[in-house]
Amino acid sequence: MPSFDLRLTRRAALAVAASAAIGLAGPAFAQKAPNGKVPVDELMGPNALPDIVEGKADAPITIVEYASMTCSHCAAFHRDVYPALKKNYIDTGKVKFILREFPLDPLATAAFMLARNAGDKRDAVVDLLFAQQKNWAFVDKPLDGLANVLKQTGLGQEKFEETLKDQQLYENVSKVRDRAAEKFGINSTPTFFINGDKYNGEIPEADLEKILTGKAKS
């Protein structure tokens, strides 16, 4: 069985908060220069779960984000920066964007499993969970909070519990995380790869604009 159950309580929620304090969540903001590089073909190699790609498949710039659903910096990026990225770059064919699972704790794993349950709507569920992170990740009964938020998508309690008992899905989410850690040296979130260049931490909109402008010229 997965290493969490429906009794997850405030103790677990406090552990989620503590993960940021001990450095599992990335720095508040990424350095303006990349701190590593991975060949794009290696980065795009087979994963235990299929990528859900936003944007044109042949877009000249590829952004891969490794995120944790309980990471406050990841939530801030998706709230404050991602809407402009989508409007100005993804929807215009300049960028393809891929979010991959890198859960920092069992609660984040549970959230990603439930998002994957939505199929090609996974990213919409991720956006919803980031937008309402405070309503489920840092409450006395986080799984109850998670179930309540996901009711907005039409997910009932029976399917909620069934998804969390899906051992294969649990293992696949874990394999995506483990591959990223082993092959790409990821140990915190968010971590971004922009055409293979690695950035740790949330990227402010202005900095992302400069990076993408530079990539477009190269």
N, C-alpha and C. Protein backbone atom coordinates (compact mmCIF):
# COMPACT_ATOMS: atom_id res chain seq x y z
N MET A 1 0.84 -1.20 0.00
CA MET A 1 0.00 0.00 0.00
C MET A 1 0.87 1.25 0.00
N PRO A 2 0.41 2.36 -0.55
CA PRO A 2 1.14 3.62 -0.47
C PRO A 2 1.43 4.01 0.97
N SER A 3 2.48 4.82 1.17
CA SER A 3 2.92 5.16 2.52
C SER A 3 2.16 6.33 3.11
N PHE A 4 0.88 6.41 2.86
CA PHE A 4 0.02 7.39 3.50
C PHE A 4 -1.37 6.77 3.60
N ASP A 5 -2.19 7.29 4.46
CA ASP A 5 -3.56 6.78 4.54
C ASP A 5 -4.50 7.92 4.87
N LEU A 6 -5.76 7.60 4.99
CA LEU A 6 -6.77 8.63 5.15
C LEU A 6 -6.79 9.21 6.56
N ARG A 7 -5.86 8.78 7.43
CA ARG A 7 -5.78 9.32 8.78
C ARG A 7 -4.75 10.45 8.88
N LEU A 8 -4.15 10.84 7.77
CA LEU A 8 -3.15 11.89 7.78
C LEU A 8 -3.69 13.12 8.52
N THR A 9 -2.93 13.62 9.51
CA THR A 9 -3.43 14.68 10.38
C THR A 9 -2.49 15.87 10.42
N ARG A 10 -2.72 16.73 11.41
CA ARG A 10 -1.93 17.95 11.52
C ARG A 10 -0.45 17.66 11.70
N ARG A 11 -0.10 16.56 12.32
CA ARG A 11 1.32 16.23 12.48
C ARG A 11 1.98 16.14 11.11
N ALA A 12 1.30 15.51 10.16
CA ALA A 12 1.83 15.41 8.81
C ALA A 12 1.87 16.78 8.14
N ALA A 13 0.85 17.59 8.38
CA ALA A 13 0.84 18.93 7.81
C ALA A 13 2.01 19.76 8.33
N LEU A 14 2.33 19.60 9.61
CA LEU A 14 3.47 20.31 10.17
C LEU A 14 4.77 19.82 9.55
N ALA A 15 4.83 18.52 9.24
CA ALA A 15 6.00 17.99 8.58
C ALA A 15 6.17 18.58 7.19
N VAL A 16 5.06 18.80 6.50
CA VAL A 16 5.09 19.46 5.20
C VAL A 16 5.70 20.85 5.33
N ALA A 17 5.24 21.61 6.32
CA ALA A 17 5.77 22.95 6.53
C ALA A 17 7.26 22.90 6.88
N ALA A 18 7.66 21.89 7.66
CA ALA A 18 9.05 21.77 8.08
C ALA A 18 9.96 21.46 6.90
N SER A 19 9.43 20.81 5.86
CA SER A 19 10.27 20.45 4.72
C SER A 19 10.87 21.69 4.07
N ALA A 20 10.13 22.78 4.05
CA ALA A 20 10.67 24.02 3.51
C ALA A 20 11.78 24.56 4.39
N ALA A 21 11.60 24.43 5.70
CA ALA A 21 12.57 24.98 6.64
C ALA A 21 13.91 24.27 6.57
N ILE A 22 13.92 22.97 6.20
CA ILE A 22 15.18 22.24 6.16
C ILE A 22 15.76 22.19 4.75
N GLY A 23 15.17 22.93 3.83
CA GLY A 23 15.80 23.11 2.54
C GLY A 23 15.31 22.22 1.42
N LEU A 24 14.24 21.46 1.63
CA LEU A 24 13.72 20.63 0.55
C LEU A 24 13.03 21.49 -0.50
N ALA A 25 12.30 22.49 -0.04
CA ALA A 25 11.80 23.46 -0.99
C ALA A 25 12.99 24.30 -1.45
N GLY A 26 12.97 24.71 -2.70
CA GLY A 26 14.11 25.41 -3.26
C GLY A 26 14.27 26.81 -2.69
N PRO A 27 15.34 27.51 -3.11
CA PRO A 27 15.51 28.89 -2.68
C PRO A 27 14.32 29.72 -3.13
N ALA A 28 14.09 30.82 -2.43
CA ALA A 28 12.92 31.63 -2.75
C ALA A 28 12.90 32.02 -4.22
N PHE A 29 14.09 32.41 -4.74
CA PHE A 29 14.15 32.79 -6.15
C PHE A 29 15.39 32.17 -6.78
N ALA A 30 15.25 31.78 -8.03
CA ALA A 30 16.36 31.17 -8.75
C ALA A 30 17.45 32.20 -9.04
N GLN A 31 18.69 31.71 -9.15
CA GLN A 31 19.77 32.56 -9.64
C GLN A 31 19.47 32.95 -11.08
N LYS A 32 19.93 34.13 -11.47
CA LYS A 32 19.62 34.60 -12.83
C LYS A 32 20.42 33.84 -13.88
N ALA A 33 21.51 33.20 -13.48
CA ALA A 33 22.28 32.37 -14.39
C ALA A 33 22.01 30.91 -14.06
N PRO A 34 21.98 30.04 -15.07
CA PRO A 34 21.73 28.62 -14.80
C PRO A 34 22.85 28.01 -13.97
N ASN A 35 22.53 26.97 -13.21
CA ASN A 35 23.54 26.31 -12.38
C ASN A 35 23.77 24.86 -12.82
N GLY A 36 23.57 24.62 -14.09
CA GLY A 36 23.80 23.29 -14.65
C GLY A 36 23.09 23.16 -15.98
N LYS A 37 23.38 22.08 -16.68
CA LYS A 37 22.72 21.85 -17.97
C LYS A 37 22.59 20.35 -18.20
N VAL A 38 21.46 19.96 -18.79
CA VAL A 38 21.18 18.57 -19.16
C VAL A 38 20.80 18.57 -20.63
N PRO A 39 21.37 17.67 -21.43
CA PRO A 39 20.96 17.60 -22.84
C PRO A 39 19.45 17.41 -22.94
N VAL A 40 18.82 18.14 -23.84
CA VAL A 40 17.37 18.11 -23.94
C VAL A 40 16.86 16.72 -24.29
N ASP A 41 17.58 15.99 -25.16
CA ASP A 41 17.11 14.65 -25.50
C ASP A 41 17.15 13.71 -24.30
N GLU A 42 18.11 13.91 -23.41
CA GLU A 42 18.16 13.11 -22.18
C GLU A 42 17.03 13.52 -21.24
N LEU A 43 16.81 14.81 -21.12
CA LEU A 43 15.74 15.33 -20.27
C LEU A 43 14.38 14.81 -20.72
N MET A 44 14.21 14.66 -22.01
CA MET A 44 12.92 14.24 -22.57
C MET A 44 12.82 12.73 -22.76
N GLY A 45 13.72 11.98 -22.16
CA GLY A 45 13.68 10.53 -22.25
C GLY A 45 12.44 9.94 -21.59
N PRO A 46 12.21 8.64 -21.79
CA PRO A 46 11.00 8.00 -21.25
C PRO A 46 10.89 8.10 -19.73
N ASN A 47 9.68 8.32 -19.25
CA ASN A 47 9.40 8.41 -17.82
C ASN A 47 8.35 7.37 -17.46
N ALA A 48 8.19 7.13 -16.17
CA ALA A 48 7.19 6.17 -15.71
C ALA A 48 5.77 6.66 -15.97
N LEU A 49 5.60 7.98 -16.09
CA LEU A 49 4.31 8.57 -16.44
C LEU A 49 4.49 9.44 -17.67
N PRO A 50 3.53 9.44 -18.58
CA PRO A 50 3.67 10.25 -19.79
C PRO A 50 3.63 11.74 -19.47
N ASP A 51 4.43 12.51 -20.21
CA ASP A 51 4.38 13.96 -20.06
C ASP A 51 3.06 14.49 -20.56
N ILE A 52 2.56 15.51 -19.89
CA ILE A 52 1.40 16.26 -20.37
C ILE A 52 1.95 17.60 -20.84
N VAL A 53 1.97 17.79 -22.15
CA VAL A 53 2.63 18.94 -22.76
C VAL A 53 1.62 20.05 -23.02
N GLU A 54 1.95 21.23 -22.56
CA GLU A 54 1.16 22.42 -22.88
C GLU A 54 1.89 23.21 -23.95
N GLY A 55 1.19 23.56 -25.01
CA GLY A 55 1.82 24.30 -26.09
C GLY A 55 2.11 23.42 -27.29
N LYS A 56 2.71 24.00 -28.31
CA LYS A 56 3.02 23.28 -29.55
C LYS A 56 4.17 22.32 -29.33
N ALA A 57 4.03 21.11 -29.87
CA ALA A 57 5.06 20.10 -29.68
C ALA A 57 6.40 20.53 -30.27
N ASP A 58 6.37 21.37 -31.33
CA ASP A 58 7.61 21.79 -31.98
C ASP A 58 8.03 23.20 -31.59
N ALA A 59 7.53 23.69 -30.45
CA ALA A 59 7.92 25.02 -29.99
C ALA A 59 9.44 25.07 -29.80
N PRO A 60 10.08 26.20 -30.12
CA PRO A 60 11.55 26.28 -30.05
C PRO A 60 12.13 26.25 -28.64
N ILE A 61 11.31 26.54 -27.64
CA ILE A 61 11.79 26.55 -26.26
C ILE A 61 10.99 25.54 -25.45
N THR A 62 11.71 24.70 -24.72
CA THR A 62 11.08 23.70 -23.86
C THR A 62 11.37 24.02 -22.41
N ILE A 63 10.32 24.15 -21.60
CA ILE A 63 10.47 24.35 -20.16
C ILE A 63 9.93 23.11 -19.46
N VAL A 64 10.76 22.50 -18.64
CA VAL A 64 10.33 21.40 -17.78
C VAL A 64 10.46 21.87 -16.34
N GLU A 65 9.36 21.80 -15.62
CA GLU A 65 9.38 22.17 -14.20
C GLU A 65 9.17 20.91 -13.37
N TYR A 66 10.04 20.71 -12.39
CA TYR A 66 9.83 19.69 -11.36
C TYR A 66 9.29 20.40 -10.13
N ALA A 67 8.10 19.98 -9.69
CA ALA A 67 7.40 20.68 -8.62
C ALA A 67 6.87 19.70 -7.59
N SER A 68 6.60 20.23 -6.40
CA SER A 68 5.91 19.48 -5.35
C SER A 68 4.62 20.22 -5.02
N MET A 69 3.53 19.48 -4.88
CA MET A 69 2.24 20.11 -4.65
C MET A 69 2.17 20.84 -3.32
N THR A 70 3.04 20.49 -2.35
CA THR A 70 3.02 21.15 -1.04
C THR A 70 4.08 22.23 -0.93
N CYS A 71 4.75 22.56 -2.01
CA CYS A 71 5.82 23.58 -2.02
C CYS A 71 5.20 24.97 -2.23
N SER A 72 5.42 25.86 -1.28
CA SER A 72 4.83 27.20 -1.38
C SER A 72 5.44 28.01 -2.52
N HIS A 73 6.73 27.78 -2.82
CA HIS A 73 7.37 28.49 -3.94
C HIS A 73 6.79 28.03 -5.28
N CYS A 74 6.49 26.73 -5.38
CA CYS A 74 5.84 26.22 -6.59
C CYS A 74 4.47 26.86 -6.77
N ALA A 75 3.72 26.94 -5.67
CA ALA A 75 2.40 27.55 -5.73
C ALA A 75 2.49 29.02 -6.13
N ALA A 76 3.49 29.72 -5.59
CA ALA A 76 3.65 31.14 -5.92
C ALA A 76 3.97 31.32 -7.41
N PHE A 77 4.83 30.46 -7.95
CA PHE A 77 5.15 30.56 -9.37
C PHE A 77 3.90 30.36 -10.21
N HIS A 78 3.10 29.36 -9.87
CA HIS A 78 1.90 29.08 -10.68
C HIS A 78 0.83 30.15 -10.51
N ARG A 79 0.85 30.82 -9.39
CA ARG A 79 -0.12 31.90 -9.17
C ARG A 79 0.33 33.20 -9.83
N ASP A 80 1.62 33.54 -9.68
CA ASP A 80 2.09 34.88 -10.03
C ASP A 80 2.76 34.97 -11.40
N VAL A 81 3.33 33.88 -11.88
CA VAL A 81 4.15 33.94 -13.09
C VAL A 81 3.55 33.11 -14.23
N TYR A 82 3.05 31.94 -13.92
CA TYR A 82 2.58 31.04 -14.95
C TYR A 82 1.50 31.65 -15.86
N PRO A 83 0.52 32.41 -15.34
CA PRO A 83 -0.50 32.97 -16.25
C PRO A 83 0.10 33.80 -17.38
N ALA A 84 1.12 34.62 -17.08
CA ALA A 84 1.76 35.41 -18.14
C ALA A 84 2.57 34.53 -19.07
N LEU A 85 3.22 33.51 -18.52
CA LEU A 85 3.97 32.57 -19.35
C LEU A 85 3.03 31.88 -20.34
N LYS A 86 1.88 31.48 -19.87
CA LYS A 86 0.92 30.80 -20.74
C LYS A 86 0.41 31.74 -21.83
N LYS A 87 0.03 32.94 -21.42
CA LYS A 87 -0.55 33.89 -22.37
C LYS A 87 0.45 34.33 -23.43
N ASN A 88 1.65 34.66 -23.01
CA ASN A 88 2.62 35.29 -23.91
C ASN A 88 3.52 34.31 -24.65
N TYR A 89 3.67 33.11 -24.13
CA TYR A 89 4.64 32.19 -24.73
C TYR A 89 4.04 30.83 -25.10
N ILE A 90 3.30 30.22 -24.18
CA ILE A 90 2.76 28.89 -24.48
C ILE A 90 1.67 28.97 -25.53
N ASP A 91 0.72 29.87 -25.32
CA ASP A 91 -0.42 29.98 -26.24
C ASP A 91 -0.04 30.56 -27.60
N THR A 92 1.13 31.20 -27.67
CA THR A 92 1.58 31.80 -28.94
C THR A 92 2.55 30.89 -29.69
N GLY A 93 2.80 29.69 -29.16
CA GLY A 93 3.64 28.73 -29.86
C GLY A 93 5.12 28.88 -29.65
N LYS A 94 5.53 29.76 -28.73
CA LYS A 94 6.95 29.99 -28.51
C LYS A 94 7.57 29.00 -27.52
N VAL A 95 6.73 28.47 -26.63
CA VAL A 95 7.21 27.61 -25.55
C VAL A 95 6.29 26.40 -25.41
N LYS A 96 6.88 25.25 -25.18
CA LYS A 96 6.10 24.11 -24.67
C LYS A 96 6.52 23.90 -23.22
N PHE A 97 5.52 23.64 -22.38
CA PHE A 97 5.73 23.58 -20.94
C PHE A 97 5.29 22.22 -20.42
N ILE A 98 6.14 21.63 -19.59
CA ILE A 98 5.85 20.32 -19.00
C ILE A 98 6.10 20.40 -17.50
N LEU A 99 5.09 20.06 -16.73
CA LEU A 99 5.27 19.94 -15.28
C LEU A 99 5.40 18.47 -14.93
N ARG A 100 6.45 18.15 -14.17
CA ARG A 100 6.67 16.78 -13.73
C ARG A 100 6.63 16.69 -12.21
N GLU A 101 6.24 15.52 -11.76
CA GLU A 101 6.03 15.29 -10.33
C GLU A 101 7.37 15.11 -9.59
N PHE A 102 7.55 15.90 -8.53
CA PHE A 102 8.68 15.71 -7.63
C PHE A 102 8.17 15.94 -6.20
N PRO A 103 7.33 15.03 -5.71
CA PRO A 103 6.73 15.24 -4.38
C PRO A 103 7.79 15.19 -3.27
N LEU A 104 7.69 16.15 -2.35
CA LEU A 104 8.63 16.22 -1.23
C LEU A 104 8.16 15.44 -0.02
N ASP A 105 6.92 14.95 -0.05
CA ASP A 105 6.34 14.31 1.12
C ASP A 105 5.14 13.48 0.67
N PRO A 106 4.63 12.61 1.54
CA PRO A 106 3.50 11.75 1.14
C PRO A 106 2.25 12.52 0.74
N LEU A 107 2.00 13.67 1.36
CA LEU A 107 0.82 14.44 1.01
C LEU A 107 0.91 14.95 -0.42
N ALA A 108 2.10 15.41 -0.81
CA ALA A 108 2.29 15.87 -2.19
C ALA A 108 2.13 14.72 -3.17
N THR A 109 2.61 13.53 -2.78
CA THR A 109 2.41 12.35 -3.62
C THR A 109 0.93 12.07 -3.82
N ALA A 110 0.17 12.14 -2.73
CA ALA A 110 -1.27 11.91 -2.81
C ALA A 110 -1.92 12.92 -3.76
N ALA A 111 -1.54 14.19 -3.64
CA ALA A 111 -2.12 15.22 -4.50
C ALA A 111 -1.81 14.96 -5.97
N PHE A 112 -0.57 14.56 -6.26
CA PHE A 112 -0.21 14.26 -7.64
C PHE A 112 -0.96 13.05 -8.18
N MET A 113 -1.16 12.03 -7.34
CA MET A 113 -1.93 10.86 -7.77
C MET A 113 -3.35 11.26 -8.15
N LEU A 114 -3.93 12.11 -7.34
CA LEU A 114 -5.30 12.55 -7.60
C LEU A 114 -5.37 13.42 -8.86
N ALA A 115 -4.33 14.22 -9.08
CA ALA A 115 -4.29 15.03 -10.30
C ALA A 115 -4.16 14.14 -11.53
N ARG A 116 -3.32 13.12 -11.45
CA ARG A 116 -3.16 12.19 -12.57
C ARG A 116 -4.47 11.46 -12.88
N ASN A 117 -5.29 11.28 -11.86
CA ASN A 117 -6.58 10.64 -12.04
C ASN A 117 -7.46 11.42 -13.03
N ALA A 118 -7.14 12.70 -13.24
CA ALA A 118 -7.93 13.54 -14.15
C ALA A 118 -7.49 13.41 -15.60
N GLY A 119 -6.51 12.55 -15.89
CA GLY A 119 -6.08 12.34 -17.26
C GLY A 119 -5.47 13.59 -17.87
N ASP A 120 -5.95 13.98 -19.07
CA ASP A 120 -5.37 15.14 -19.73
C ASP A 120 -5.78 16.45 -19.08
N LYS A 121 -6.61 16.38 -18.03
CA LYS A 121 -6.95 17.57 -17.25
C LYS A 121 -6.04 17.71 -16.03
N ARG A 122 -4.98 16.89 -15.99
CA ARG A 122 -4.07 16.90 -14.84
C ARG A 122 -3.58 18.30 -14.50
N ASP A 123 -3.15 19.06 -15.52
CA ASP A 123 -2.59 20.37 -15.24
C ASP A 123 -3.62 21.34 -14.68
N ALA A 124 -4.86 21.22 -15.12
CA ALA A 124 -5.93 22.07 -14.57
C ALA A 124 -6.14 21.76 -13.09
N VAL A 125 -6.07 20.48 -12.73
CA VAL A 125 -6.21 20.10 -11.32
C VAL A 125 -5.01 20.59 -10.52
N VAL A 126 -3.81 20.48 -11.09
CA VAL A 126 -2.62 21.00 -10.43
C VAL A 126 -2.77 22.49 -10.15
N ASP A 127 -3.25 23.24 -11.15
CA ASP A 127 -3.44 24.68 -10.97
C ASP A 127 -4.43 24.95 -9.83
N LEU A 128 -5.52 24.18 -9.79
CA LEU A 128 -6.51 24.35 -8.73
C LEU A 128 -5.90 24.07 -7.36
N LEU A 129 -5.13 23.00 -7.25
CA LEU A 129 -4.54 22.64 -5.96
C LEU A 129 -3.49 23.66 -5.52
N PHE A 130 -2.73 24.18 -6.45
CA PHE A 130 -1.79 25.25 -6.09
C PHE A 130 -2.54 26.50 -5.64
N ALA A 131 -3.60 26.86 -6.35
CA ALA A 131 -4.36 28.06 -6.02
C ALA A 131 -4.98 27.96 -4.63
N GLN A 132 -5.35 26.75 -4.22
CA GLN A 132 -6.01 26.56 -2.94
C GLN A 132 -5.14 25.78 -1.95
N GLN A 133 -3.84 25.86 -2.14
CA GLN A 133 -2.90 25.08 -1.32
C GLN A 133 -3.13 25.25 0.18
N LYS A 134 -3.41 26.48 0.62
CA LYS A 134 -3.59 26.73 2.05
C LYS A 134 -4.82 26.05 2.61
N ASN A 135 -5.76 25.67 1.73
CA ASN A 135 -7.00 25.05 2.19
C ASN A 135 -6.89 23.54 2.38
N TRP A 136 -5.73 22.96 1.99
CA TRP A 136 -5.59 21.51 2.18
C TRP A 136 -4.21 21.09 2.68
N ALA A 137 -3.17 21.82 2.33
CA ALA A 137 -1.82 21.36 2.69
C ALA A 137 -1.43 21.72 4.12
N PHE A 138 -2.01 22.76 4.67
CA PHE A 138 -1.58 23.24 5.99
C PHE A 138 -2.77 23.35 6.95
N VAL A 139 -3.57 22.32 6.96
CA VAL A 139 -4.75 22.27 7.83
C VAL A 139 -4.66 21.04 8.73
N ASP A 140 -5.57 20.96 9.72
CA ASP A 140 -5.52 19.86 10.68
C ASP A 140 -5.67 18.49 10.02
N LYS A 141 -6.55 18.39 9.03
CA LYS A 141 -6.78 17.12 8.34
C LYS A 141 -6.58 17.34 6.85
N PRO A 142 -5.32 17.29 6.39
CA PRO A 142 -5.03 17.68 5.01
C PRO A 142 -5.71 16.83 3.94
N LEU A 143 -5.87 15.54 4.18
CA LEU A 143 -6.54 14.73 3.16
C LEU A 143 -8.03 15.06 3.06
N ASP A 144 -8.64 15.41 4.19
CA ASP A 144 -10.02 15.88 4.14
C ASP A 144 -10.10 17.18 3.34
N GLY A 145 -9.13 18.06 3.59
CA GLY A 145 -9.09 19.31 2.83
C GLY A 145 -8.89 19.07 1.36
N LEU A 146 -8.01 18.12 1.03
CA LEU A 146 -7.76 17.78 -0.37
C LEU A 146 -9.02 17.24 -1.03
N ALA A 147 -9.74 16.38 -0.33
CA ALA A 147 -10.98 15.83 -0.87
C ALA A 147 -12.01 16.93 -1.11
N ASN A 148 -12.09 17.88 -0.18
CA ASN A 148 -13.06 18.97 -0.31
C ASN A 148 -12.74 19.86 -1.50
N VAL A 149 -11.45 20.18 -1.70
CA VAL A 149 -11.08 21.01 -2.85
C VAL A 149 -11.40 20.28 -4.15
N LEU A 150 -11.12 18.98 -4.20
CA LEU A 150 -11.30 18.24 -5.45
C LEU A 150 -12.77 17.96 -5.76
N LYS A 151 -13.64 18.17 -4.79
CA LYS A 151 -15.07 18.07 -5.08
C LYS A 151 -15.48 19.09 -6.14
N GLN A 152 -14.71 20.18 -6.25
CA GLN A 152 -14.99 21.19 -7.27
C GLN A 152 -14.83 20.62 -8.68
N THR A 153 -14.05 19.55 -8.81
CA THR A 153 -13.83 18.92 -10.12
C THR A 153 -14.81 17.78 -10.37
N GLY A 154 -15.68 17.50 -9.39
CA GLY A 154 -16.63 16.41 -9.51
C GLY A 154 -16.12 15.09 -8.96
N LEU A 155 -14.94 15.10 -8.31
CA LEU A 155 -14.38 13.87 -7.77
C LEU A 155 -15.08 13.51 -6.45
N GLY A 156 -15.69 12.34 -6.41
CA GLY A 156 -16.38 11.89 -5.22
C GLY A 156 -15.45 11.18 -4.25
N GLN A 157 -15.94 10.95 -3.03
CA GLN A 157 -15.12 10.35 -1.99
C GLN A 157 -14.69 8.93 -2.33
N GLU A 158 -15.57 8.16 -2.95
CA GLU A 158 -15.21 6.78 -3.28
C GLU A 158 -14.04 6.73 -4.26
N LYS A 159 -14.10 7.55 -5.32
CA LYS A 159 -13.01 7.59 -6.29
C LYS A 159 -11.75 8.17 -5.67
N PHE A 160 -11.91 9.15 -4.78
CA PHE A 160 -10.79 9.74 -4.06
C PHE A 160 -10.01 8.65 -3.32
N GLU A 161 -10.71 7.86 -2.54
CA GLU A 161 -10.06 6.82 -1.75
C GLU A 161 -9.50 5.72 -2.64
N GLU A 162 -10.20 5.39 -3.68
CA GLU A 162 -9.73 4.36 -4.61
C GLU A 162 -8.41 4.78 -5.26
N THR A 163 -8.32 6.04 -5.65
CA THR A 163 -7.10 6.54 -6.29
C THR A 163 -5.92 6.46 -5.35
N LEU A 164 -6.13 6.81 -4.08
CA LEU A 164 -5.04 6.79 -3.11
C LEU A 164 -4.58 5.38 -2.76
N LYS A 165 -5.36 4.38 -3.14
CA LYS A 165 -4.96 2.99 -2.90
C LYS A 165 -4.34 2.34 -4.15
N ASP A 166 -4.14 3.13 -5.19
CA ASP A 166 -3.61 2.63 -6.45
C ASP A 166 -2.09 2.49 -6.33
N GLN A 167 -1.62 1.29 -6.04
CA GLN A 167 -0.20 1.06 -5.80
C GLN A 167 0.65 1.36 -7.03
N GLN A 168 0.16 1.00 -8.22
CA GLN A 168 0.92 1.24 -9.43
C GLN A 168 1.09 2.73 -9.70
N LEU A 169 0.04 3.49 -9.50
CA LEU A 169 0.13 4.93 -9.69
C LEU A 169 1.09 5.54 -8.68
N TYR A 170 1.00 5.09 -7.44
CA TYR A 170 1.92 5.56 -6.40
C TYR A 170 3.38 5.30 -6.81
N GLU A 171 3.65 4.10 -7.30
CA GLU A 171 5.01 3.75 -7.69
C GLU A 171 5.47 4.57 -8.89
N ASN A 172 4.58 4.84 -9.81
CA ASN A 172 4.96 5.61 -11.00
C ASN A 172 5.28 7.05 -10.66
N VAL A 173 4.49 7.66 -9.79
CA VAL A 173 4.81 9.02 -9.34
C VAL A 173 6.18 9.03 -8.66
N SER A 174 6.43 8.02 -7.84
CA SER A 174 7.71 7.93 -7.14
C SER A 174 8.86 7.73 -8.12
N LYS A 175 8.63 6.96 -9.19
CA LYS A 175 9.68 6.71 -10.17
C LYS A 175 10.04 7.98 -10.94
N VAL A 176 9.06 8.84 -11.23
CA VAL A 176 9.35 10.11 -11.89
C VAL A 176 10.27 10.95 -11.01
N ARG A 177 9.93 11.00 -9.72
CA ARG A 177 10.77 11.74 -8.78
C ARG A 177 12.17 11.13 -8.67
N ASP A 178 12.25 9.82 -8.54
CA ASP A 178 13.54 9.17 -8.35
C ASP A 178 14.44 9.33 -9.56
N ARG A 179 13.86 9.26 -10.76
CA ARG A 179 14.67 9.46 -11.98
C ARG A 179 15.24 10.87 -12.02
N ALA A 180 14.43 11.84 -11.64
CA ALA A 180 14.89 13.23 -11.64
C ALA A 180 16.03 13.43 -10.64
N ALA A 181 15.90 12.82 -9.48
CA ALA A 181 16.94 12.95 -8.46
C ALA A 181 18.23 12.27 -8.90
N GLU A 182 18.10 11.08 -9.47
CA GLU A 182 19.29 10.29 -9.82
C GLU A 182 19.98 10.79 -11.08
N LYS A 183 19.21 11.14 -12.11
CA LYS A 183 19.80 11.50 -13.39
C LYS A 183 20.11 12.99 -13.51
N PHE A 184 19.29 13.82 -12.85
CA PHE A 184 19.43 15.27 -13.05
C PHE A 184 19.85 16.02 -11.79
N GLY A 185 20.06 15.28 -10.70
CA GLY A 185 20.55 15.90 -9.47
C GLY A 185 19.56 16.81 -8.78
N ILE A 186 18.28 16.57 -8.97
CA ILE A 186 17.27 17.45 -8.36
C ILE A 186 17.06 17.05 -6.90
N ASN A 187 17.08 18.04 -6.01
CA ASN A 187 16.84 17.77 -4.59
C ASN A 187 15.96 18.82 -3.94
N SER A 188 15.36 19.70 -4.74
CA SER A 188 14.50 20.74 -4.19
C SER A 188 13.52 21.19 -5.27
N THR A 189 12.50 21.93 -4.83
CA THR A 189 11.50 22.43 -5.78
C THR A 189 11.25 23.91 -5.53
N PRO A 190 10.83 24.62 -6.58
CA PRO A 190 10.77 24.14 -7.97
C PRO A 190 12.15 24.12 -8.60
N THR A 191 12.37 23.21 -9.52
CA THR A 191 13.56 23.20 -10.37
C THR A 191 13.07 23.25 -11.81
N PHE A 192 13.66 24.17 -12.57
CA PHE A 192 13.26 24.37 -13.96
C PHE A 192 14.42 24.01 -14.89
N PHE A 193 14.09 23.42 -16.03
CA PHE A 193 15.03 23.26 -17.13
C PHE A 193 14.46 24.02 -18.32
N ILE A 194 15.23 24.99 -18.82
CA ILE A 194 14.81 25.79 -19.97
C ILE A 194 15.78 25.50 -21.10
N ASN A 195 15.32 24.75 -22.09
CA ASN A 195 16.20 24.21 -23.13
C ASN A 195 17.43 23.54 -22.52
N GLY A 196 17.20 22.85 -21.41
CA GLY A 196 18.26 22.09 -20.75
C GLY A 196 19.00 22.83 -19.67
N ASP A 197 18.93 24.16 -19.65
CA ASP A 197 19.60 24.94 -18.59
C ASP A 197 18.81 24.83 -17.29
N LYS A 198 19.50 24.58 -16.19
CA LYS A 198 18.87 24.29 -14.91
C LYS A 198 18.82 25.51 -14.01
N TYR A 199 17.64 25.78 -13.46
CA TYR A 199 17.44 26.87 -12.52
C TYR A 199 16.71 26.32 -11.29
N ASN A 200 17.27 26.56 -10.12
CA ASN A 200 16.64 26.14 -8.87
C ASN A 200 15.92 27.32 -8.23
N GLY A 201 14.66 27.14 -7.86
CA GLY A 201 13.91 28.18 -7.17
C GLY A 201 12.92 28.87 -8.09
N GLU A 202 12.02 29.60 -7.48
CA GLU A 202 10.99 30.34 -8.21
C GLU A 202 11.64 31.38 -9.11
N ILE A 203 11.16 31.50 -10.34
CA ILE A 203 11.69 32.49 -11.29
C ILE A 203 10.69 33.63 -11.42
N PRO A 204 11.04 34.85 -11.00
CA PRO A 204 10.12 35.98 -11.17
C PRO A 204 9.80 36.23 -12.64
N GLU A 205 8.67 36.84 -12.89
CA GLU A 205 8.22 37.06 -14.27
C GLU A 205 9.25 37.83 -15.09
N ALA A 206 9.82 38.89 -14.51
CA ALA A 206 10.78 39.71 -15.26
C ALA A 206 12.02 38.91 -15.63
N ASP A 207 12.51 38.09 -14.71
CA ASP A 207 13.68 37.27 -14.99
C ASP A 207 13.37 36.21 -16.05
N LEU A 208 12.19 35.61 -15.96
CA LEU A 208 11.81 34.60 -16.94
C LEU A 208 11.71 35.23 -18.33
N GLU A 209 11.18 36.44 -18.39
CA GLU A 209 11.08 37.16 -19.66
C GLU A 209 12.47 37.34 -20.28
N LYS A 210 13.45 37.71 -19.46
CA LYS A 210 14.82 37.92 -19.97
C LYS A 210 15.42 36.60 -20.45
N ILE A 211 15.20 35.53 -19.69
CA ILE A 211 15.74 34.23 -20.08
C ILE A 211 15.14 33.78 -21.41
N LEU A 212 13.82 33.91 -21.54
CA LEU A 212 13.15 33.45 -22.76
C LEU A 212 13.49 34.32 -23.96
N THR A 213 13.68 35.61 -23.73
CA THR A 213 14.11 36.49 -24.82
C THR A 213 15.48 36.09 -25.31
N GLY A 214 16.36 35.77 -24.38
CA GLY A 214 17.71 35.31 -24.76
C GLY A 214 17.68 34.00 -25.51
N LYS A 215 16.83 33.08 -25.08
CA LYS A 215 16.73 31.79 -25.76
C LYS A 215 16.19 31.96 -27.19
N ALA A 216 15.26 32.88 -27.34
CA ALA A 216 14.68 33.10 -28.67
C ALA A 216 15.71 33.63 -29.65
N LYS A 217 16.72 34.36 -29.14
CA LYS A 217 17.74 34.94 -30.00
C LYS A 217 18.87 33.97 -30.30
N SER A 218 19.01 32.93 -29.46
CA SER A 218 20.16 32.02 -29.62
C SER A 218 19.89 30.96 -30.69
